[in-house]
Structures are given as structure tokens and as C-alpha cells.
Amino acid sequence: MNNYQIGQILYILSKKNILISPIQIIEEINRKTLAGSSLDYIVKFNDEETLELSKVSNDYIVFESIELLETHMFDEAKKSISS
């Protein structure tokens, strides 16, 4: 998982439809267990709902900037048109 800053805004794109949403990193979680170490983040949706970023990544593609999201969407559209 990438390293993010508290307060950083990310953008997510649903894997099921074309839903785009901004999310904000509000907490960093470092876990150390017998199995090893892990890093995760708590993100805020819609000003209220919070969730771990690792769980968000199951249903959404995470982008660090709107430009990266746009590039991904244009590339996917080009692939669809070409095939």
C-alpha cells in the first residue's frame, strides 16, 4: 500500500459502475502482530462514513490525483472503442 498523508484527498472509481468519489485520509493505522506488520488508513466518505482504505480497495480503484483518474478513464474508453 502507498504511503499517504493525513488530510490527503484521494479519488476512487467504482469497479462496478462509473461512480467517482473523493475520499480523505483521516487516520493512519500501524499494526504489529505475530504474523508481521501492516499499514492501513481510515478514510472519510460523504463527510460522515469512515472505512479502512484496504476494504475500499476491494470495490474501488484508488487514485492519488484527479489527473491520474482522468488518464485511466480515457485509456479505458479508448480500449472499449478499439475493441
PDB file of N, CA and C in Angstrom:
ATOM      1  N   MET A   1       0.844  -1.174   0.000  1.00  0.00           N
ATOM      2  CA  MET A   1       0.000   0.000   0.000  1.00  0.00           C
ATOM      3  C   MET A   1       0.892   1.241   0.000  1.00  0.00           C
ATOM      4  N   ASN A   2       0.469   2.255  -0.720  1.00  0.00           N
ATOM      5  CA  ASN A   2       1.208   3.512  -0.778  1.00  0.00           C
ATOM      6  C   ASN A   2       1.184   4.213   0.568  1.00  0.00           C
ATOM      7  N   ASN A   3       2.128   5.117   0.749  1.00  0.00           N
ATOM      8  CA  ASN A   3       2.120   5.960   1.943  1.00  0.00           C
ATOM      9  C   ASN A   3       1.364   7.238   1.630  1.00  0.00           C
ATOM     10  N   TYR A   4       0.410   7.565   2.476  1.00  0.00           N
ATOM     11  CA  TYR A   4      -0.412   8.759   2.302  1.00  0.00           C
ATOM     12  C   TYR A   4      -0.249   9.666   3.509  1.00  0.00           C
ATOM     13  N   GLN A   5      -0.629  10.904   3.349  1.00  0.00           N
ATOM     14  CA  GLN A   5      -0.561  11.887   4.420  1.00  0.00           C
ATOM     15  C   GLN A   5      -1.952  12.086   5.017  1.00  0.00           C
ATOM     16  N   ILE A   6      -2.002  12.339   6.322  1.00  0.00           N
ATOM     17  CA  ILE A   6      -3.271  12.654   6.969  1.00  0.00           C
ATOM     18  C   ILE A   6      -3.812  13.935   6.338  1.00  0.00           C
ATOM     19  N   GLY A   7      -5.070  13.920   5.955  1.00  0.00           N
ATOM     20  CA  GLY A   7      -5.688  15.065   5.300  1.00  0.00           C
ATOM     21  C   GLY A   7      -5.657  14.991   3.783  1.00  0.00           C
ATOM     22  N   GLN A   8      -4.852  14.082   3.223  1.00  0.00           N
ATOM     23  CA  GLN A   8      -4.725  13.956   1.765  1.00  0.00           C
ATOM     24  C   GLN A   8      -6.051  13.522   1.147  1.00  0.00           C
ATOM     25  N   ILE A   9      -6.375  14.115   0.009  1.00  0.00           N
ATOM     26  CA  ILE A   9      -7.576  13.755  -0.746  1.00  0.00           C
ATOM     27  C   ILE A   9      -7.183  12.757  -1.835  1.00  0.00           C
ATOM     28  N   LEU A  10      -7.912  11.653  -1.898  1.00  0.00           N
ATOM     29  CA  LEU A  10      -7.746  10.649  -2.946  1.00  0.00           C
ATOM     30  C   LEU A  10      -9.060  10.572  -3.714  1.00  0.00           C
ATOM     31  N   TYR A  11      -9.024   9.907  -4.859  1.00  0.00           N
ATOM     32  CA  TYR A  11     -10.224   9.733  -5.670  1.00  0.00           C
ATOM     33  C   TYR A  11     -10.410   8.252  -5.912  1.00  0.00           C
ATOM     34  N   ILE A  12     -11.655   7.793  -5.819  1.00  0.00           N
ATOM     35  CA  ILE A  12     -11.945   6.384  -6.046  1.00  0.00           C
ATOM     36  C   ILE A  12     -12.926   6.235  -7.195  1.00  0.00           C
ATOM     37  N   LEU A  13     -12.724   5.177  -7.959  1.00  0.00           N
ATOM     38  CA  LEU A  13     -13.573   4.825  -9.086  1.00  0.00           C
ATOM     39  C   LEU A  13     -14.119   3.432  -8.825  1.00  0.00           C
ATOM     40  N   SER A  14     -15.434   3.302  -8.821  1.00  0.00           N
ATOM     41  CA  SER A  14     -16.069   2.015  -8.571  1.00  0.00           C
ATOM     42  C   SER A  14     -15.686   1.013  -9.654  1.00  0.00           C
ATOM     43  N   LYS A  15     -15.442  -0.228  -9.257  1.00  0.00           N
ATOM     44  CA  LYS A  15     -15.147  -1.299 -10.210  1.00  0.00           C
ATOM     45  C   LYS A  15     -16.429  -1.821 -10.864  1.00  0.00           C
ATOM     46  N   LYS A  16     -17.592  -1.490 -10.291  1.00  0.00           N
ATOM     47  CA  LYS A  16     -18.870  -1.999 -10.782  1.00  0.00           C
ATOM     48  C   LYS A  16     -19.561  -1.048 -11.744  1.00  0.00           C
ATOM     49  N   ASN A  17     -19.396   0.254 -11.545  1.00  0.00           N
ATOM     50  CA  ASN A  17     -20.025   1.250 -12.410  1.00  0.00           C
ATOM     51  C   ASN A  17     -19.100   2.468 -12.502  1.00  0.00           C
ATOM     52  N   ILE A  18     -19.553   3.545 -13.048  1.00  0.00           N
ATOM     53  CA  ILE A  18     -18.685   4.711 -13.227  1.00  0.00           C
ATOM     54  C   ILE A  18     -18.925   5.724 -12.114  1.00  0.00           C
ATOM     55  N   LEU A  19     -18.951   5.280 -10.888  1.00  0.00           N
ATOM     56  CA  LEU A  19     -19.116   6.151  -9.745  1.00  0.00           C
ATOM     57  C   LEU A  19     -17.743   6.644  -9.298  1.00  0.00           C
ATOM     58  N   ILE A  20     -17.576   7.949  -9.229  1.00  0.00           N
ATOM     59  CA  ILE A  20     -16.328   8.567  -8.788  1.00  0.00           C
ATOM     60  C   ILE A  20     -16.624   9.336  -7.518  1.00  0.00           C
ATOM     61  N   SER A  21     -15.725   9.226  -6.545  1.00  0.00           N
ATOM     62  CA  SER A  21     -15.934   9.930  -5.287  1.00  0.00           C
ATOM     63  C   SER A  21     -14.596  10.339  -4.683  1.00  0.00           C
ATOM     64  N   PRO A  22     -14.520  11.543  -4.123  1.00  0.00           N
ATOM     65  CA  PRO A  22     -13.314  11.912  -3.383  1.00  0.00           C
ATOM     66  C   PRO A  22     -13.390  11.319  -1.974  1.00  0.00           C
ATOM     67  N   ILE A  23     -12.257  10.957  -1.436  1.00  0.00           N
ATOM     68  CA  ILE A  23     -12.170  10.483  -0.056  1.00  0.00           C
ATOM     69  C   ILE A  23     -11.001  11.201   0.604  1.00  0.00           C
ATOM     70  N   GLN A  24     -11.008  11.251   1.919  1.00  0.00           N
ATOM     71  CA  GLN A  24      -9.933  11.924   2.639  1.00  0.00           C
ATOM     72  C   GLN A  24      -9.323  10.984   3.660  1.00  0.00           C
ATOM     73  N   ILE A  25      -7.990  10.961   3.712  1.00  0.00           N
ATOM     74  CA  ILE A  25      -7.272  10.175   4.718  1.00  0.00           C
ATOM     75  C   ILE A  25      -7.428  10.905   6.051  1.00  0.00           C
ATOM     76  N   ILE A  26      -7.991  10.223   7.066  1.00  0.00           N
ATOM     77  CA  ILE A  26      -8.173  10.885   8.358  1.00  0.00           C
ATOM     78  C   ILE A  26      -7.387  10.210   9.486  1.00  0.00           C
ATOM     79  N   GLU A  27      -6.849   9.004   9.226  1.00  0.00           N
ATOM     80  CA  GLU A  27      -6.109   8.305  10.274  1.00  0.00           C
ATOM     81  C   GLU A  27      -5.177   7.281   9.652  1.00  0.00           C
ATOM     82  N   GLU A  28      -4.008   7.101  10.259  1.00  0.00           N
ATOM     83  CA  GLU A  28      -3.055   6.073   9.832  1.00  0.00           C
ATOM     84  C   GLU A  28      -3.009   5.002  10.922  1.00  0.00           C
ATOM     85  N   ILE A  29      -3.044   3.742  10.506  1.00  0.00           N
ATOM     86  CA  ILE A  29      -3.029   2.623  11.450  1.00  0.00           C
ATOM     87  C   ILE A  29      -1.824   1.740  11.146  1.00  0.00           C
ATOM     88  N   ASN A  30      -0.919   1.613  12.125  1.00  0.00           N
ATOM     89  CA  ASN A  30       0.213   0.694  12.024  1.00  0.00           C
ATOM     90  C   ASN A  30      -0.072  -0.481  12.950  1.00  0.00           C
ATOM     91  N   ARG A  31      -0.121  -1.687  12.379  1.00  0.00           N
ATOM     92  CA  ARG A  31      -0.392  -2.886  13.175  1.00  0.00           C
ATOM     93  C   ARG A  31       0.849  -3.763  13.201  1.00  0.00           C
ATOM     94  N   LYS A  32       1.173  -4.258  14.388  1.00  0.00           N
ATOM     95  CA  LYS A  32       2.254  -5.219  14.539  1.00  0.00           C
ATOM     96  C   LYS A  32       1.680  -6.434  15.254  1.00  0.00           C
ATOM     97  N   THR A  33       1.768  -7.582  14.578  1.00  0.00           N
ATOM     98  CA  THR A  33       1.256  -8.832  15.143  1.00  0.00           C
ATOM     99  C   THR A  33       2.330  -9.899  15.014  1.00  0.00           C
ATOM    100  N   LEU A  34       2.027 -11.078  15.479  1.00  0.00           N
ATOM    101  CA  LEU A  34       2.960 -12.193  15.313  1.00  0.00           C
ATOM    102  C   LEU A  34       3.177 -12.515  13.837  1.00  0.00           C
ATOM    103  N   ALA A  35       2.164 -12.232  13.028  1.00  0.00           N
ATOM    104  CA  ALA A  35       2.254 -12.511  11.593  1.00  0.00           C
ATOM    105  C   ALA A  35       3.051 -11.448  10.844  1.00  0.00           C
ATOM    106  N   GLY A  36       3.291 -10.297  11.472  1.00  0.00           N
ATOM    107  CA  GLY A  36       4.054  -9.245  10.802  1.00  0.00           C
ATOM    108  C   GLY A  36       3.433  -7.877  11.011  1.00  0.00           C
ATOM    109  N   SER A  37       3.902  -6.935  10.224  1.00  0.00           N
ATOM    110  CA  SER A  37       3.436  -5.553  10.326  1.00  0.00           C
ATOM    111  C   SER A  37       2.575  -5.190   9.129  1.00  0.00           C
ATOM    112  N   SER A  38       1.639  -4.278   9.354  1.00  0.00           N
ATOM    113  CA  SER A  38       0.821  -3.793   8.246  1.00  0.00           C
ATOM    114  C   SER A  38       0.501  -2.316   8.470  1.00  0.00           C
ATOM    115  N   LEU A  39       0.249  -1.631   7.383  1.00  0.00           N
ATOM    116  CA  LEU A  39      -0.097  -0.225   7.405  1.00  0.00           C
ATOM    117  C   LEU A  39      -1.434  -0.063   6.696  1.00  0.00           C
ATOM    118  N   ASP A  40      -2.355   0.633   7.312  1.00  0.00           N
ATOM    119  CA  ASP A  40      -3.647   0.906   6.696  1.00  0.00           C
ATOM    120  C   ASP A  40      -4.060   2.322   7.060  1.00  0.00           C
ATOM    121  N   TYR A  41      -5.104   2.788   6.429  1.00  0.00           N
ATOM    122  CA  TYR A  41      -5.590   4.139   6.652  1.00  0.00           C
ATOM    123  C   TYR A  41      -7.098   4.114   6.815  1.00  0.00           C
ATOM    124  N   ILE A  42      -7.613   5.039   7.607  1.00  0.00           N
ATOM    125  CA  ILE A  42      -9.047   5.257   7.707  1.00  0.00           C
ATOM    126  C   ILE A  42      -9.357   6.435   6.786  1.00  0.00           C
ATOM    127  N   VAL A  43     -10.367   6.249   5.940  1.00  0.00           N
ATOM    128  CA  VAL A  43     -10.760   7.307   5.013  1.00  0.00           C
ATOM    129  C   VAL A  43     -12.188   7.735   5.313  1.00  0.00           C
ATOM    130  N   LYS A  44     -12.489   8.977   4.960  1.00  0.00           N
ATOM    131  CA  LYS A  44     -13.824   9.524   5.183  1.00  0.00           C
ATOM    132  C   LYS A  44     -14.519   9.716   3.850  1.00  0.00           C
ATOM    133  N   PHE A  45     -15.747   9.182   3.766  1.00  0.00           N
ATOM    134  CA  PHE A  45     -16.639   9.359   2.620  1.00  0.00           C
ATOM    135  C   PHE A  45     -17.745  10.318   3.030  1.00  0.00           C
ATOM    136  N   ASN A  46     -18.278  11.057   2.128  1.00  0.00           N
ATOM    137  CA  ASN A  46     -19.528  11.800   2.325  1.00  0.00           C
ATOM    138  C   ASN A  46     -19.614  12.537   3.656  1.00  0.00           C
ATOM    139  N   ASP A  47     -18.519  13.046   4.156  1.00  0.00           N
ATOM    140  CA  ASP A  47     -18.458  13.826   5.400  1.00  0.00           C
ATOM    141  C   ASP A  47     -18.821  13.056   6.662  1.00  0.00           C
ATOM    142  N   GLU A  48     -19.251  11.821   6.576  1.00  0.00           N
ATOM    143  CA  GLU A  48     -19.663  11.078   7.769  1.00  0.00           C
ATOM    144  C   GLU A  48     -19.101   9.654   7.821  1.00  0.00           C
ATOM    145  N   GLU A  49     -19.325   8.887   6.785  1.00  0.00           N
ATOM    146  CA  GLU A  49     -18.961   7.469   6.761  1.00  0.00           C
ATOM    147  C   GLU A  49     -17.448   7.300   6.716  1.00  0.00           C
ATOM    148  N   THR A  50     -16.919   6.398   7.539  1.00  0.00           N
ATOM    149  CA  THR A  50     -15.490   6.092   7.525  1.00  0.00           C
ATOM    150  C   THR A  50     -15.293   4.599   7.291  1.00  0.00           C
ATOM    151  N   LEU A  51     -14.142   4.261   6.698  1.00  0.00           N
ATOM    152  CA  LEU A  51     -13.827   2.876   6.369  1.00  0.00           C
ATOM    153  C   LEU A  51     -12.328   2.738   6.206  1.00  0.00           C
ATOM    154  N   GLU A  52     -11.811   1.535   6.410  1.00  0.00           N
ATOM    155  CA  GLU A  52     -10.387   1.293   6.166  1.00  0.00           C
ATOM    156  C   GLU A  52     -10.125   1.288   4.669  1.00  0.00           C
ATOM    157  N   LEU A  53      -9.029   1.919   4.268  1.00  0.00           N
ATOM    158  CA  LEU A  53      -8.693   2.016   2.848  1.00  0.00           C
ATOM    159  C   LEU A  53      -8.512   0.641   2.215  1.00  0.00           C
ATOM    160  N   SER A  54      -7.974  -0.318   2.949  1.00  0.00           N
ATOM    161  CA  SER A  54      -7.783  -1.667   2.388  1.00  0.00           C
ATOM    162  C   SER A  54      -9.127  -2.292   2.003  1.00  0.00           C
ATOM    163  N   LYS A  55     -10.190  -1.983   2.727  1.00  0.00           N
ATOM    164  CA  LYS A  55     -11.517  -2.505   2.390  1.00  0.00           C
ATOM    165  C   LYS A  55     -12.119  -1.755   1.211  1.00  0.00           C
ATOM    166  N   VAL A  56     -11.850  -0.453   1.127  1.00  0.00           N
ATOM    167  CA  VAL A  56     -12.316   0.346  -0.002  1.00  0.00           C
ATOM    168  C   VAL A  56     -11.704  -0.189  -1.290  1.00  0.00           C
ATOM    169  N   SER A  57     -10.443  -0.587  -1.227  1.00  0.00           N
ATOM    170  CA  SER A  57      -9.713  -1.052  -2.413  1.00  0.00           C
ATOM    171  C   SER A  57     -10.294  -2.318  -3.011  1.00  0.00           C
ATOM    172  N   ASN A  58     -11.115  -3.046  -2.261  1.00  0.00           N
ATOM    173  CA  ASN A  58     -11.747  -4.251  -2.803  1.00  0.00           C
ATOM    174  C   ASN A  58     -12.777  -3.911  -3.872  1.00  0.00           C
ATOM    175  N   ASP A  59     -13.482  -2.794  -3.707  1.00  0.00           N
ATOM    176  CA  ASP A  59     -14.567  -2.422  -4.617  1.00  0.00           C
ATOM    177  C   ASP A  59     -14.259  -1.217  -5.498  1.00  0.00           C
ATOM    178  N   TYR A  60     -13.164  -0.527  -5.189  1.00  0.00           N
ATOM    179  CA  TYR A  60     -12.825   0.703  -5.900  1.00  0.00           C
ATOM    180  C   TYR A  60     -11.363   0.705  -6.307  1.00  0.00           C
ATOM    181  N   ILE A  61     -11.051   1.443  -7.368  1.00  0.00           N
ATOM    182  CA  ILE A  61      -9.673   1.713  -7.750  1.00  0.00           C
ATOM    183  C   ILE A  61      -9.325   3.063  -7.151  1.00  0.00           C
ATOM    184  N   VAL A  62      -8.198   3.153  -6.456  1.00  0.00           N
ATOM    185  CA  VAL A  62      -7.808   4.372  -5.752  1.00  0.00           C
ATOM    186  C   VAL A  62      -6.786   5.137  -6.589  1.00  0.00           C
ATOM    187  N   PHE A  63      -7.007   6.445  -6.725  1.00  0.00           N
ATOM    188  CA  PHE A  63      -6.101   7.325  -7.470  1.00  0.00           C
ATOM    189  C   PHE A  63      -5.642   8.459  -6.572  1.00  0.00           C
ATOM    190  N   GLU A  64      -4.371   8.826  -6.703  1.00  0.00           N
ATOM    191  CA  GLU A  64      -3.816   9.892  -5.878  1.00  0.00           C
ATOM    192  C   GLU A  64      -4.122  11.279  -6.409  1.00  0.00           C
ATOM    193  N   SER A  65      -4.561  11.382  -7.655  1.00  0.00           N
ATOM    194  CA  SER A  65      -4.907  12.698  -8.206  1.00  0.00           C
ATOM    195  C   SER A  65      -6.027  12.545  -9.219  1.00  0.00           C
ATOM    196  N   ILE A  66      -6.718  13.644  -9.453  1.00  0.00           N
ATOM    197  CA  ILE A  66      -7.797  13.642 -10.442  1.00  0.00           C
ATOM    198  C   ILE A  66      -7.226  13.415 -11.846  1.00  0.00           C
ATOM    199  N   GLU A  67      -5.991  13.881 -12.068  1.00  0.00           N
ATOM    200  CA  GLU A  67      -5.355  13.692 -13.378  1.00  0.00           C
ATOM    201  C   GLU A  67      -5.098  12.208 -13.663  1.00  0.00           C
ATOM    202  N   LEU A  68      -4.647  11.464 -12.655  1.00  0.00           N
ATOM    203  CA  LEU A  68      -4.434  10.021 -12.838  1.00  0.00           C
ATOM    204  C   LEU A  68      -5.754   9.299 -13.092  1.00  0.00           C
ATOM    205  N   LEU A  69      -6.800   9.731 -12.409  1.00  0.00           N
ATOM    206  CA  LEU A  69      -8.134   9.157 -12.631  1.00  0.00           C
ATOM    207  C   LEU A  69      -8.604   9.431 -14.054  1.00  0.00           C
ATOM    208  N   GLU A  70      -8.453  10.670 -14.521  1.00  0.00           N
ATOM    209  CA  GLU A  70      -8.861  11.028 -15.881  1.00  0.00           C
ATOM    210  C   GLU A  70      -8.101  10.208 -16.916  1.00  0.00           C
ATOM    211  N   THR A  71      -6.796  10.085 -16.738  1.00  0.00           N
ATOM    212  CA  THR A  71      -5.973   9.305 -17.667  1.00  0.00           C
ATOM    213  C   THR A  71      -6.455   7.861 -17.723  1.00  0.00           C
ATOM    214  N   HIS A  72      -6.724   7.281 -16.568  1.00  0.00           N
ATOM    215  CA  HIS A  72      -7.225   5.896 -16.511  1.00  0.00           C
ATOM    216  C   HIS A  72      -8.551   5.767 -17.264  1.00  0.00           C
ATOM    217  N   MET A  73      -9.454   6.716 -17.030  1.00  0.00           N
ATOM    218  CA  MET A  73     -10.764   6.640 -17.680  1.00  0.00           C
ATOM    219  C   MET A  73     -10.652   6.818 -19.193  1.00  0.00           C
ATOM    220  N   PHE A  74      -9.794   7.738 -19.658  1.00  0.00           N
ATOM    221  CA  PHE A  74      -9.582   7.912 -21.093  1.00  0.00           C
ATOM    222  C   PHE A  74      -8.988   6.651 -21.716  1.00  0.00           C
ATOM    223  N   ASP A  75      -8.015   6.047 -21.043  1.00  0.00           N
ATOM    224  CA  ASP A  75      -7.397   4.816 -21.550  1.00  0.00           C
ATOM    225  C   ASP A  75      -8.420   3.690 -21.657  1.00  0.00           C
ATOM    226  N   GLU A  76      -9.266   3.551 -20.633  1.00  0.00           N
ATOM    227  CA  GLU A  76     -10.302   2.511 -20.663  1.00  0.00           C
ATOM    228  C   GLU A  76     -11.315   2.769 -21.784  1.00  0.00           C
ATOM    229  N   ALA A  77     -11.670   4.029 -21.996  1.00  0.00           N
ATOM    230  CA  ALA A  77     -12.608   4.372 -23.083  1.00  0.00           C
ATOM    231  C   ALA A  77     -11.995   4.046 -24.434  1.00  0.00           C
ATOM    232  N   LYS A  78     -10.711   4.362 -24.612  1.00  0.00           N
ATOM    233  CA  LYS A  78     -10.027   4.059 -25.877  1.00  0.00           C
ATOM    234  C   LYS A  78     -10.006   2.550 -26.131  1.00  0.00           C
ATOM    235  N   LYS A  79      -9.743   1.762 -25.081  1.00  0.00           N
ATOM    236  CA  LYS A  79      -9.739   0.300 -25.216  1.00  0.00           C
ATOM    237  C   LYS A  79     -11.123  -0.204 -25.656  1.00  0.00           C
ATOM    238  N   SER A  80     -12.165   0.349 -25.044  1.00  0.00           N
ATOM    239  CA  SER A  80     -13.532  -0.076 -25.395  1.00  0.00           C
ATOM    240  C   SER A  80     -13.876   0.273 -26.820  1.00  0.00           C
ATOM    241  N   ILE A  81     -13.465   1.451 -27.260  1.00  0.00           N
ATOM    242  CA  ILE A  81     -13.759   1.896 -28.633  1.00  0.00           C
ATOM    243  C   ILE A  81     -12.972   1.061 -29.635  1.00  0.00           C
ATOM    244  N   SER A  82     -11.730   0.726 -29.330  1.00  0.00           N
ATOM    245  CA  SER A  82     -10.863  -0.007 -30.249  1.00  0.00           C
ATOM    246  C   SER A  82     -11.256  -1.479 -30.408  1.00  0.00           C
ATOM    247  N   SER A  83     -11.918  -2.027 -29.389  1.00  0.00           N
ATOM    248  CA  SER A  83     -12.219  -3.465 -29.465  1.00  0.00           C
ATOM    249  C   SER A  83     -13.583  -3.749 -30.045  1.00  0.00           C
TER     250      SER A  83
END
